Amino acid sequence: MGEVTASITWEGPKDRGEALMAAICPDDPEDFSVELKGDENLVKLSIVVSSEGLGQSRMSVDDILACLAAAEAGLDSLG
């Protein structure tokens, strides 16, 4: 199997981006990198998932998206 790479990008306020970044807890943290860039007002959260095969990539992306969705729902309920 070849290496598979998938990217997830989110843009928004810095405090929300930091909270989303903290919420990422996939099963295989060695399979992804995360970066938060921007200024005090607007940031870009970039997540790159790299793994061997589509199945492993899908599981990692699913885990990351589930963590992000749960964190976003929590943030929305507070806001």
Protein backbone atom coordinates (compact mmCIF):
# COMPACT_ATOMS: atom_id res chain seq x y z
CA MET A 1 0.00 0.00 0.00
CA GLY A 2 1.15 3.54 -0.66
CA GLU A 3 1.13 6.47 1.67
CA VAL A 4 -2.12 8.45 1.89
CA THR A 5 -2.26 12.12 2.91
CA ALA A 6 -5.41 14.05 3.81
CA SER A 7 -5.71 17.67 4.94
CA ILE A 8 -8.29 19.32 7.18
CA THR A 9 -8.35 23.12 7.40
CA TRP A 10 -10.43 25.35 9.66
CA GLU A 11 -10.37 29.16 9.91
CA GLY A 12 -11.78 31.35 12.65
CA PRO A 13 -11.10 33.19 15.91
CA LYS A 14 -7.87 32.38 17.77
CA ASP A 15 -9.48 31.27 21.04
CA ARG A 16 -11.77 28.85 19.21
CA GLY A 17 -8.89 27.53 17.10
CA GLU A 18 -6.84 26.88 20.22
CA ALA A 19 -9.75 25.02 21.83
CA LEU A 20 -10.28 22.90 18.71
CA MET A 21 -6.58 22.10 18.50
CA ALA A 22 -6.59 20.97 22.14
CA ALA A 23 -9.55 18.66 21.46
CA ILE A 24 -7.81 16.53 18.85
CA CYS A 25 -7.23 13.09 20.29
CA PRO A 26 -7.18 10.43 17.54
CA ASP A 27 -6.12 6.84 18.13
CA ASP A 28 -2.84 7.27 16.22
CA PRO A 29 -1.34 10.71 17.00
CA GLU A 30 1.86 9.80 15.16
CA ASP A 31 -0.17 9.77 11.93
CA PHE A 32 -0.93 13.48 11.86
CA SER A 33 0.54 16.93 12.33
CA VAL A 34 -1.30 20.05 13.44
CA GLU A 35 -0.44 23.71 13.07
CA LEU A 36 -2.18 26.90 14.15
CA LYS A 37 -1.15 30.05 12.29
CA GLY A 38 -2.49 33.57 12.21
CA ASP A 39 -2.82 36.65 14.34
CA GLU A 40 -4.89 37.63 17.38
CA ASN A 41 -8.10 37.89 15.33
CA LEU A 42 -8.05 35.16 12.70
CA VAL A 43 -6.17 31.85 12.64
CA LYS A 44 -5.97 28.83 10.39
CA LEU A 45 -5.91 25.38 11.96
CA SER A 46 -4.26 22.92 9.56
CA ILE A 47 -4.24 19.19 10.20
CA VAL A 48 -2.41 16.79 7.89
CA VAL A 49 -3.02 13.07 8.25
CA SER A 50 -0.44 10.71 6.74
CA SER A 51 -0.66 6.96 6.97
CA GLU A 52 -0.26 3.73 5.07
CA GLY A 53 -3.48 2.90 3.24
CA LEU A 54 -6.91 4.40 2.87
CA GLY A 55 -8.44 2.49 5.78
CA GLN A 56 -6.00 3.84 8.36
CA SER A 57 -6.32 7.37 6.96
CA ARG A 58 -10.09 7.17 7.12
CA MET A 59 -10.03 6.02 10.75
CA SER A 60 -7.66 8.84 11.73
CA VAL A 61 -9.67 11.50 9.87
CA ASP A 62 -12.91 10.17 11.39
CA ASP A 63 -11.39 10.37 14.89
CA ILE A 64 -10.16 13.91 14.32
CA LEU A 65 -13.47 15.10 12.88
CA ALA A 66 -15.39 13.52 15.77
CA CYS A 67 -13.17 15.31 18.30
CA LEU A 68 -13.51 18.62 16.44
CA ALA A 69 -17.30 18.28 16.15
CA ALA A 70 -17.68 17.51 19.86
CA ALA A 71 -15.46 20.46 20.81
CA GLU A 72 -17.33 22.80 18.47
CA ALA A 73 -20.68 21.70 19.90
CA GLY A 74 -19.37 22.37 23.40
CA LEU A 75 -18.09 25.78 22.39
CA ASP A 76 -21.42 26.62 20.74
CA SER A 77 -23.33 25.68 23.89
CA LEU A 78 -21.14 28.01 25.94
CA GLY A 79 -21.37 30.91 23.51
